[in-house]
Amino acid sequence: MTASGYLIRIEKNSNLSKEDAENLILVDVMRKKGLFDDVVNPYTGEISNKISCENRYKPDAQIISTDDLKVTYYSGWLNNRLQYGACLDNQLIYKVYNALFYCLDQRTLYHLEFIVATKDKPEDSYFLNQIQSIKCQNPLLKIGNIFP
């Protein structure tokens, strides 16, 4: 979906317990962070025995608490195929803002991604405000009024 110059990806997992949802959130964050772990260089030489990525490319998860909701939030970078793992400036085609949250009454876990081209110079505060406005009574209606 597109709205106001950015893409939105939404994943919804229903009929989950709170514990299962929290575990899925932890797995998602670990999986994204794991893409940036140092690895042994298959072609070791004089320059380096490992391949690593600068910290500025790595996602850093935070918890945002609103009135009745706990949102796990992190941002990161995507390449031209909308995949994580890019560690070079010329590969950073998109910036992505992730929000994972569980709605207890619905027994549903939502994973929301706002994806914007880096050439559009995204403002972190705009997407953070969108994420902070999420409510569980109908969370998708609160995202920038894109779902009438």
N, C-alpha and C. Protein backbone atom coordinates (compact mmCIF):
# COMPACT_ATOMS: atom_id res chain seq x y z
N MET A 1 0.84 -1.18 0.00
CA MET A 1 0.00 0.00 0.00
C MET A 1 0.88 1.23 0.00
N THR A 2 0.43 2.26 -0.61
CA THR A 2 1.15 3.51 -0.53
C THR A 2 0.23 4.58 0.04
N ALA A 3 0.84 5.50 0.72
CA ALA A 3 0.09 6.63 1.26
C ALA A 3 1.08 7.74 1.53
N SER A 4 0.85 8.90 1.00
CA SER A 4 1.68 10.08 1.24
C SER A 4 3.16 9.82 0.97
N GLY A 5 3.50 9.08 -0.06
CA GLY A 5 4.88 8.91 -0.43
C GLY A 5 5.65 7.83 0.30
N TYR A 6 5.00 6.98 1.04
CA TYR A 6 5.70 5.87 1.67
C TYR A 6 4.88 4.59 1.53
N LEU A 7 5.56 3.47 1.73
CA LEU A 7 4.90 2.17 1.69
C LEU A 7 4.59 1.72 3.10
N ILE A 8 3.55 0.90 3.20
CA ILE A 8 3.20 0.30 4.49
C ILE A 8 3.09 -1.20 4.30
N ARG A 9 3.78 -1.96 5.15
CA ARG A 9 3.62 -3.41 5.18
C ARG A 9 3.01 -3.74 6.54
N ILE A 10 1.99 -4.57 6.51
CA ILE A 10 1.30 -4.96 7.74
C ILE A 10 1.21 -6.47 7.80
N GLU A 11 1.58 -7.00 8.95
CA GLU A 11 1.42 -8.43 9.21
C GLU A 11 0.55 -8.56 10.46
N LYS A 12 -0.42 -9.43 10.38
CA LYS A 12 -1.37 -9.61 11.48
C LYS A 12 -1.39 -11.09 11.85
N ASN A 13 -1.16 -11.40 13.12
CA ASN A 13 -1.24 -12.77 13.62
C ASN A 13 -2.32 -12.83 14.69
N SER A 14 -3.38 -13.56 14.41
CA SER A 14 -4.52 -13.62 15.32
C SER A 14 -4.49 -14.85 16.20
N ASN A 15 -5.35 -14.84 17.21
CA ASN A 15 -5.52 -15.95 18.15
C ASN A 15 -4.22 -16.33 18.86
N LEU A 16 -3.51 -15.32 19.33
CA LEU A 16 -2.26 -15.55 20.06
C LEU A 16 -2.42 -15.16 21.51
N SER A 17 -1.77 -15.90 22.37
CA SER A 17 -1.71 -15.48 23.76
C SER A 17 -0.70 -14.34 23.87
N LYS A 18 -0.77 -13.61 24.95
CA LYS A 18 0.16 -12.50 25.17
C LYS A 18 1.60 -13.03 25.20
N GLU A 19 1.81 -14.16 25.83
CA GLU A 19 3.15 -14.75 25.92
C GLU A 19 3.67 -15.13 24.53
N ASP A 20 2.83 -15.75 23.71
CA ASP A 20 3.25 -16.11 22.35
C ASP A 20 3.58 -14.86 21.54
N ALA A 21 2.78 -13.83 21.67
CA ALA A 21 3.04 -12.58 20.94
C ALA A 21 4.36 -11.96 21.39
N GLU A 22 4.61 -11.93 22.68
CA GLU A 22 5.87 -11.37 23.18
C GLU A 22 7.07 -12.16 22.67
N ASN A 23 6.92 -13.49 22.60
CA ASN A 23 8.00 -14.31 22.05
C ASN A 23 8.23 -14.01 20.57
N LEU A 24 7.17 -13.84 19.81
CA LEU A 24 7.31 -13.51 18.39
C LEU A 24 7.98 -12.16 18.19
N ILE A 25 7.67 -11.22 19.06
CA ILE A 25 8.31 -9.91 18.98
C ILE A 25 9.81 -10.05 19.26
N LEU A 26 10.17 -10.80 20.29
CA LEU A 26 11.59 -11.01 20.60
C LEU A 26 12.32 -11.69 19.44
N VAL A 27 11.68 -12.67 18.83
CA VAL A 27 12.29 -13.38 17.70
C VAL A 27 12.50 -12.43 16.53
N ASP A 28 11.53 -11.59 16.24
CA ASP A 28 11.66 -10.64 15.14
C ASP A 28 12.84 -9.71 15.38
N VAL A 29 12.94 -9.16 16.56
CA VAL A 29 14.03 -8.23 16.87
C VAL A 29 15.38 -8.96 16.80
N MET A 30 15.46 -10.16 17.36
CA MET A 30 16.71 -10.92 17.31
C MET A 30 17.09 -11.26 15.88
N ARG A 31 16.13 -11.62 15.07
CA ARG A 31 16.39 -11.96 13.67
C ARG A 31 16.96 -10.76 12.92
N LYS A 32 16.36 -9.58 13.12
CA LYS A 32 16.85 -8.38 12.45
C LYS A 32 18.25 -8.01 12.93
N LYS A 33 18.47 -8.07 14.25
CA LYS A 33 19.80 -7.76 14.78
C LYS A 33 20.84 -8.77 14.32
N GLY A 34 20.43 -10.03 14.19
CA GLY A 34 21.34 -11.09 13.78
C GLY A 34 21.90 -10.90 12.39
N LEU A 35 21.19 -10.20 11.54
CA LEU A 35 21.68 -9.93 10.19
C LEU A 35 22.94 -9.08 10.21
N PHE A 36 23.18 -8.40 11.32
CA PHE A 36 24.30 -7.47 11.41
C PHE A 36 25.42 -7.96 12.31
N ASP A 37 25.33 -9.21 12.78
CA ASP A 37 26.40 -9.78 13.61
C ASP A 37 27.67 -9.94 12.79
N ASP A 38 28.80 -9.81 13.47
CA ASP A 38 30.09 -10.05 12.81
C ASP A 38 30.17 -11.51 12.37
N VAL A 39 30.76 -11.75 11.20
CA VAL A 39 30.96 -13.11 10.69
C VAL A 39 32.41 -13.27 10.24
N VAL A 40 32.86 -14.51 10.21
CA VAL A 40 34.21 -14.80 9.77
C VAL A 40 34.29 -14.57 8.26
N ASN A 41 35.32 -13.86 7.85
CA ASN A 41 35.53 -13.58 6.43
C ASN A 41 35.97 -14.87 5.72
N PRO A 42 35.25 -15.31 4.69
CA PRO A 42 35.63 -16.54 4.00
C PRO A 42 36.94 -16.38 3.23
N TYR A 43 37.35 -15.15 2.99
CA TYR A 43 38.59 -14.88 2.27
C TYR A 43 39.51 -14.06 3.18
N THR A 44 39.97 -14.69 4.25
CA THR A 44 40.79 -13.96 5.21
C THR A 44 42.08 -13.49 4.56
N GLY A 45 42.55 -12.41 5.05
CA GLY A 45 43.78 -11.85 4.50
C GLY A 45 44.36 -10.84 5.44
N GLU A 46 45.17 -9.99 4.90
CA GLU A 46 45.87 -9.00 5.72
C GLU A 46 44.93 -7.92 6.25
N ILE A 47 43.86 -7.63 5.54
CA ILE A 47 42.99 -6.53 5.93
C ILE A 47 42.09 -6.90 7.10
N SER A 48 41.39 -8.04 7.01
CA SER A 48 40.43 -8.39 8.05
C SER A 48 40.13 -9.88 8.06
N ASN A 49 39.92 -10.41 9.25
CA ASN A 49 39.50 -11.80 9.41
C ASN A 49 38.00 -11.91 9.62
N LYS A 50 37.33 -10.77 9.69
CA LYS A 50 35.89 -10.80 9.90
C LYS A 50 35.21 -9.74 9.05
N ILE A 51 33.93 -9.97 8.82
CA ILE A 51 33.09 -9.00 8.13
C ILE A 51 32.16 -8.41 9.18
N SER A 52 32.16 -7.10 9.27
CA SER A 52 31.32 -6.46 10.28
C SER A 52 30.61 -5.26 9.68
N CYS A 53 29.64 -4.80 10.42
CA CYS A 53 28.80 -3.69 9.98
C CYS A 53 28.87 -2.61 11.06
N GLU A 54 28.97 -1.36 10.66
CA GLU A 54 29.01 -0.27 11.63
C GLU A 54 27.71 -0.22 12.43
N ASN A 55 27.81 0.21 13.67
CA ASN A 55 26.64 0.27 14.56
C ASN A 55 25.52 1.15 14.01
N ARG A 56 25.85 2.16 13.23
CA ARG A 56 24.82 3.08 12.74
C ARG A 56 23.83 2.41 11.79
N TYR A 57 24.19 1.24 11.26
CA TYR A 57 23.30 0.50 10.37
C TYR A 57 22.42 -0.50 11.11
N LYS A 58 22.75 -0.77 12.35
CA LYS A 58 22.07 -1.82 13.11
C LYS A 58 20.80 -1.30 13.78
N PRO A 59 19.73 -2.08 13.73
CA PRO A 59 18.50 -1.66 14.42
C PRO A 59 18.65 -1.72 15.93
N ASP A 60 18.01 -0.80 16.62
CA ASP A 60 18.06 -0.74 18.08
C ASP A 60 16.62 -0.65 18.59
N ALA A 61 16.13 -1.74 19.13
CA ALA A 61 14.72 -1.79 19.56
C ALA A 61 14.51 -0.99 20.84
N GLN A 62 13.36 -0.33 20.89
CA GLN A 62 12.93 0.43 22.06
C GLN A 62 11.48 0.09 22.36
N ILE A 63 11.09 0.33 23.58
CA ILE A 63 9.70 0.15 23.98
C ILE A 63 9.05 1.52 24.11
N ILE A 64 7.92 1.67 23.45
CA ILE A 64 7.13 2.89 23.55
C ILE A 64 5.82 2.51 24.24
N SER A 65 5.53 3.16 25.35
CA SER A 65 4.28 2.88 26.05
C SER A 65 3.31 4.02 25.82
N THR A 66 2.12 3.67 25.38
CA THR A 66 1.06 4.66 25.24
C THR A 66 0.04 4.36 26.33
N ASP A 67 -1.15 4.91 26.22
CA ASP A 67 -2.16 4.76 27.27
C ASP A 67 -2.35 3.31 27.70
N ASP A 68 -2.67 2.45 26.75
CA ASP A 68 -2.98 1.06 27.09
C ASP A 68 -2.18 0.07 26.24
N LEU A 69 -1.06 0.52 25.67
CA LEU A 69 -0.38 -0.29 24.68
C LEU A 69 1.14 -0.20 24.85
N LYS A 70 1.78 -1.33 24.68
CA LYS A 70 3.24 -1.38 24.67
C LYS A 70 3.67 -1.71 23.24
N VAL A 71 4.44 -0.82 22.63
CA VAL A 71 4.87 -0.98 21.24
C VAL A 71 6.38 -1.17 21.22
N THR A 72 6.84 -2.23 20.56
CA THR A 72 8.26 -2.41 20.33
C THR A 72 8.56 -1.72 19.00
N TYR A 73 9.51 -0.80 19.05
CA TYR A 73 9.80 0.05 17.90
C TYR A 73 11.28 -0.04 17.54
N TYR A 74 11.59 -0.12 16.26
CA TYR A 74 12.96 0.06 15.78
C TYR A 74 12.94 0.52 14.34
N SER A 75 13.99 1.20 13.96
CA SER A 75 14.11 1.62 12.57
C SER A 75 15.37 0.97 11.99
N GLY A 76 15.43 0.96 10.68
CA GLY A 76 16.58 0.35 10.03
C GLY A 76 16.62 0.74 8.56
N TRP A 77 17.40 0.01 7.81
CA TRP A 77 17.62 0.33 6.40
C TRP A 77 17.33 -0.89 5.54
N LEU A 78 16.81 -0.65 4.35
CA LEU A 78 16.53 -1.71 3.40
C LEU A 78 17.27 -1.42 2.09
N ASN A 79 17.59 -2.50 1.38
CA ASN A 79 18.24 -2.33 0.08
C ASN A 79 17.19 -2.17 -1.02
N ASN A 80 17.62 -2.22 -2.26
CA ASN A 80 16.69 -2.01 -3.37
C ASN A 80 15.68 -3.15 -3.53
N ARG A 81 15.86 -4.25 -2.82
CA ARG A 81 14.91 -5.37 -2.84
C ARG A 81 14.05 -5.42 -1.58
N LEU A 82 14.07 -4.33 -0.83
CA LEU A 82 13.32 -4.20 0.43
C LEU A 82 13.74 -5.26 1.45
N GLN A 83 15.03 -5.54 1.51
CA GLN A 83 15.59 -6.53 2.43
C GLN A 83 16.55 -5.84 3.41
N TYR A 84 16.58 -6.34 4.63
CA TYR A 84 17.51 -5.85 5.65
C TYR A 84 18.91 -6.40 5.37
N GLY A 85 19.90 -5.78 5.99
CA GLY A 85 21.26 -6.29 5.95
C GLY A 85 22.25 -5.40 5.24
N ALA A 86 21.81 -4.30 4.66
CA ALA A 86 22.72 -3.39 3.96
C ALA A 86 23.61 -2.66 4.96
N CYS A 87 24.90 -2.59 4.64
CA CYS A 87 25.87 -1.93 5.52
C CYS A 87 26.74 -0.92 4.79
N LEU A 88 26.36 -0.55 3.61
CA LEU A 88 27.08 0.46 2.85
C LEU A 88 26.11 1.56 2.44
N ASP A 89 26.55 2.79 2.52
CA ASP A 89 25.66 3.92 2.24
C ASP A 89 24.98 3.81 0.87
N ASN A 90 25.69 3.33 -0.14
CA ASN A 90 25.10 3.26 -1.46
C ASN A 90 24.07 2.14 -1.60
N GLN A 91 23.93 1.31 -0.57
CA GLN A 91 22.92 0.24 -0.57
C GLN A 91 21.68 0.62 0.23
N LEU A 92 21.71 1.75 0.91
CA LEU A 92 20.60 2.17 1.77
C LEU A 92 19.56 2.91 0.93
N ILE A 93 18.69 2.14 0.32
CA ILE A 93 17.71 2.71 -0.60
C ILE A 93 16.45 3.17 0.15
N TYR A 94 16.10 2.46 1.21
CA TYR A 94 14.90 2.78 1.99
C TYR A 94 15.23 2.82 3.47
N LYS A 95 14.49 3.64 4.19
CA LYS A 95 14.51 3.60 5.65
C LYS A 95 13.18 3.00 6.08
N VAL A 96 13.23 2.15 7.09
CA VAL A 96 12.02 1.47 7.54
C VAL A 96 11.83 1.74 9.04
N TYR A 97 10.59 1.96 9.41
CA TYR A 97 10.19 2.19 10.80
C TYR A 97 9.25 1.06 11.18
N ASN A 98 9.62 0.26 12.16
CA ASN A 98 8.85 -0.92 12.57
C ASN A 98 8.13 -0.67 13.89
N ALA A 99 6.93 -1.19 13.98
CA ALA A 99 6.17 -1.17 15.22
C ALA A 99 5.53 -2.55 15.38
N LEU A 100 5.79 -3.19 16.49
CA LEU A 100 5.16 -4.47 16.81
C LEU A 100 4.39 -4.29 18.10
N PHE A 101 3.12 -4.67 18.07
CA PHE A 101 2.29 -4.48 19.26
C PHE A 101 1.20 -5.54 19.31
N TYR A 102 0.81 -5.87 20.53
CA TYR A 102 -0.18 -6.90 20.79
C TYR A 102 -1.43 -6.25 21.38
N CYS A 103 -2.56 -6.56 20.77
CA CYS A 103 -3.85 -6.07 21.27
C CYS A 103 -4.53 -7.22 22.02
N LEU A 104 -4.58 -7.09 23.33
CA LEU A 104 -5.07 -8.16 24.19
C LEU A 104 -6.52 -8.52 23.89
N ASP A 105 -7.40 -7.53 23.76
CA ASP A 105 -8.82 -7.81 23.51
C ASP A 105 -9.04 -8.55 22.20
N GLN A 106 -8.19 -8.28 21.21
CA GLN A 106 -8.31 -8.93 19.91
C GLN A 106 -7.47 -10.21 19.83
N ARG A 107 -6.60 -10.41 20.82
CA ARG A 107 -5.63 -11.53 20.82
C ARG A 107 -4.84 -11.54 19.51
N THR A 108 -4.41 -10.34 19.11
CA THR A 108 -3.77 -10.17 17.81
C THR A 108 -2.46 -9.41 17.94
N LEU A 109 -1.44 -9.92 17.25
CA LEU A 109 -0.15 -9.25 17.15
C LEU A 109 -0.08 -8.56 15.79
N TYR A 110 0.28 -7.30 15.80
CA TYR A 110 0.46 -6.54 14.57
C TYR A 110 1.94 -6.21 14.39
N HIS A 111 2.42 -6.33 13.17
CA HIS A 111 3.75 -5.86 12.80
C HIS A 111 3.55 -4.88 11.65
N LEU A 112 3.86 -3.65 11.92
CA LEU A 112 3.65 -2.57 10.98
C LEU A 112 4.99 -2.00 10.56
N GLU A 113 5.18 -1.82 9.26
CA GLU A 113 6.40 -1.21 8.75
C GLU A 113 6.05 -0.03 7.85
N PHE A 114 6.63 1.11 8.15
CA PHE A 114 6.57 2.27 7.27
C PHE A 114 7.88 2.28 6.49
N ILE A 115 7.81 2.29 5.17
CA ILE A 115 9.00 2.23 4.33
C ILE A 115 9.03 3.47 3.45
N VAL A 116 10.14 4.21 3.55
CA VAL A 116 10.26 5.45 2.79
C VAL A 116 11.63 5.49 2.11
N ALA A 117 11.66 5.98 0.88
CA ALA A 117 12.93 6.09 0.14
C ALA A 117 13.86 7.07 0.84
N THR A 118 15.12 6.72 0.94
CA THR A 118 16.09 7.60 1.60
C THR A 118 16.24 8.92 0.84
N LYS A 119 16.04 8.89 -0.47
CA LYS A 119 16.14 10.12 -1.26
C LYS A 119 15.07 11.14 -0.85
N ASP A 120 13.99 10.67 -0.22
CA ASP A 120 12.93 11.56 0.26
C ASP A 120 13.25 12.15 1.63
N LYS A 121 14.40 11.81 2.19
CA LYS A 121 14.86 12.33 3.48
C LYS A 121 13.79 12.24 4.57
N PRO A 122 13.46 11.00 4.97
CA PRO A 122 12.40 10.82 5.97
C PRO A 122 12.73 11.48 7.30
N GLU A 123 11.70 12.01 7.92
CA GLU A 123 11.85 12.60 9.25
C GLU A 123 11.42 11.57 10.29
N ASP A 124 12.35 11.16 11.12
CA ASP A 124 12.08 10.16 12.13
C ASP A 124 10.89 10.54 13.01
N SER A 125 10.79 11.81 13.37
CA SER A 125 9.74 12.25 14.28
C SER A 125 8.35 12.03 13.70
N TYR A 126 8.19 12.19 12.40
CA TYR A 126 6.88 11.98 11.78
C TYR A 126 6.41 10.54 12.00
N PHE A 127 7.29 9.58 11.73
CA PHE A 127 6.91 8.17 11.84
C PHE A 127 6.79 7.75 13.31
N LEU A 128 7.61 8.31 14.16
CA LEU A 128 7.48 8.03 15.59
C LEU A 128 6.13 8.53 16.10
N ASN A 129 5.69 9.69 15.65
CA ASN A 129 4.37 10.20 16.03
C ASN A 129 3.25 9.29 15.54
N GLN A 130 3.39 8.76 14.31
CA GLN A 130 2.39 7.83 13.79
C GLN A 130 2.31 6.59 14.67
N ILE A 131 3.45 6.08 15.06
CA ILE A 131 3.50 4.87 15.89
C ILE A 131 2.92 5.15 17.27
N GLN A 132 3.21 6.32 17.83
CA GLN A 132 2.68 6.67 19.15
C GLN A 132 1.17 6.88 19.13
N SER A 133 0.59 7.08 17.96
CA SER A 133 -0.86 7.31 17.88
C SER A 133 -1.66 6.02 17.74
N ILE A 134 -1.01 4.89 17.67
CA ILE A 134 -1.70 3.61 17.49
C ILE A 134 -2.54 3.29 18.73
N LYS A 135 -3.74 2.84 18.48
CA LYS A 135 -4.65 2.40 19.55
C LYS A 135 -5.19 1.02 19.18
N CYS A 136 -5.51 0.23 20.18
CA CYS A 136 -5.97 -1.13 19.91
C CYS A 136 -7.44 -1.23 19.54
N GLN A 137 -8.27 -0.25 19.82
CA GLN A 137 -9.68 -0.41 19.49
C GLN A 137 -9.86 -0.60 17.99
N ASN A 138 -9.01 -0.03 17.19
CA ASN A 138 -8.96 -0.28 15.76
C ASN A 138 -7.65 0.34 15.28
N PRO A 139 -6.54 -0.35 15.52
CA PRO A 139 -5.22 0.27 15.35
C PRO A 139 -4.94 0.78 13.95
N LEU A 140 -5.44 0.14 12.93
CA LEU A 140 -5.10 0.55 11.58
C LEU A 140 -5.80 1.82 11.14
N LEU A 141 -6.88 2.18 11.81
CA LEU A 141 -7.57 3.42 11.46
C LEU A 141 -6.81 4.64 11.96
N LYS A 142 -5.94 4.45 12.92
CA LYS A 142 -5.25 5.58 13.53
C LYS A 142 -3.95 5.93 12.81
N ILE A 143 -3.54 5.17 11.84
CA ILE A 143 -2.26 5.37 11.19
C ILE A 143 -2.44 6.37 10.06
N GLY A 144 -2.21 7.62 10.34
CA GLY A 144 -2.25 8.66 9.33
C GLY A 144 -3.57 8.75 8.58
N ASN A 145 -4.65 8.26 9.13
CA ASN A 145 -5.97 8.30 8.49
C ASN A 145 -5.94 7.73 7.08
N ILE A 146 -5.22 6.64 6.88
CA ILE A 146 -5.12 6.07 5.55
C ILE A 146 -6.17 5.03 5.26
N PHE A 147 -6.80 4.52 6.31
CA PHE A 147 -7.85 3.52 6.13
C PHE A 147 -9.18 4.13 6.55
N PRO A 148 -9.97 4.60 5.60
CA PRO A 148 -11.25 5.25 5.96
C PRO A 148 -12.24 4.27 6.55
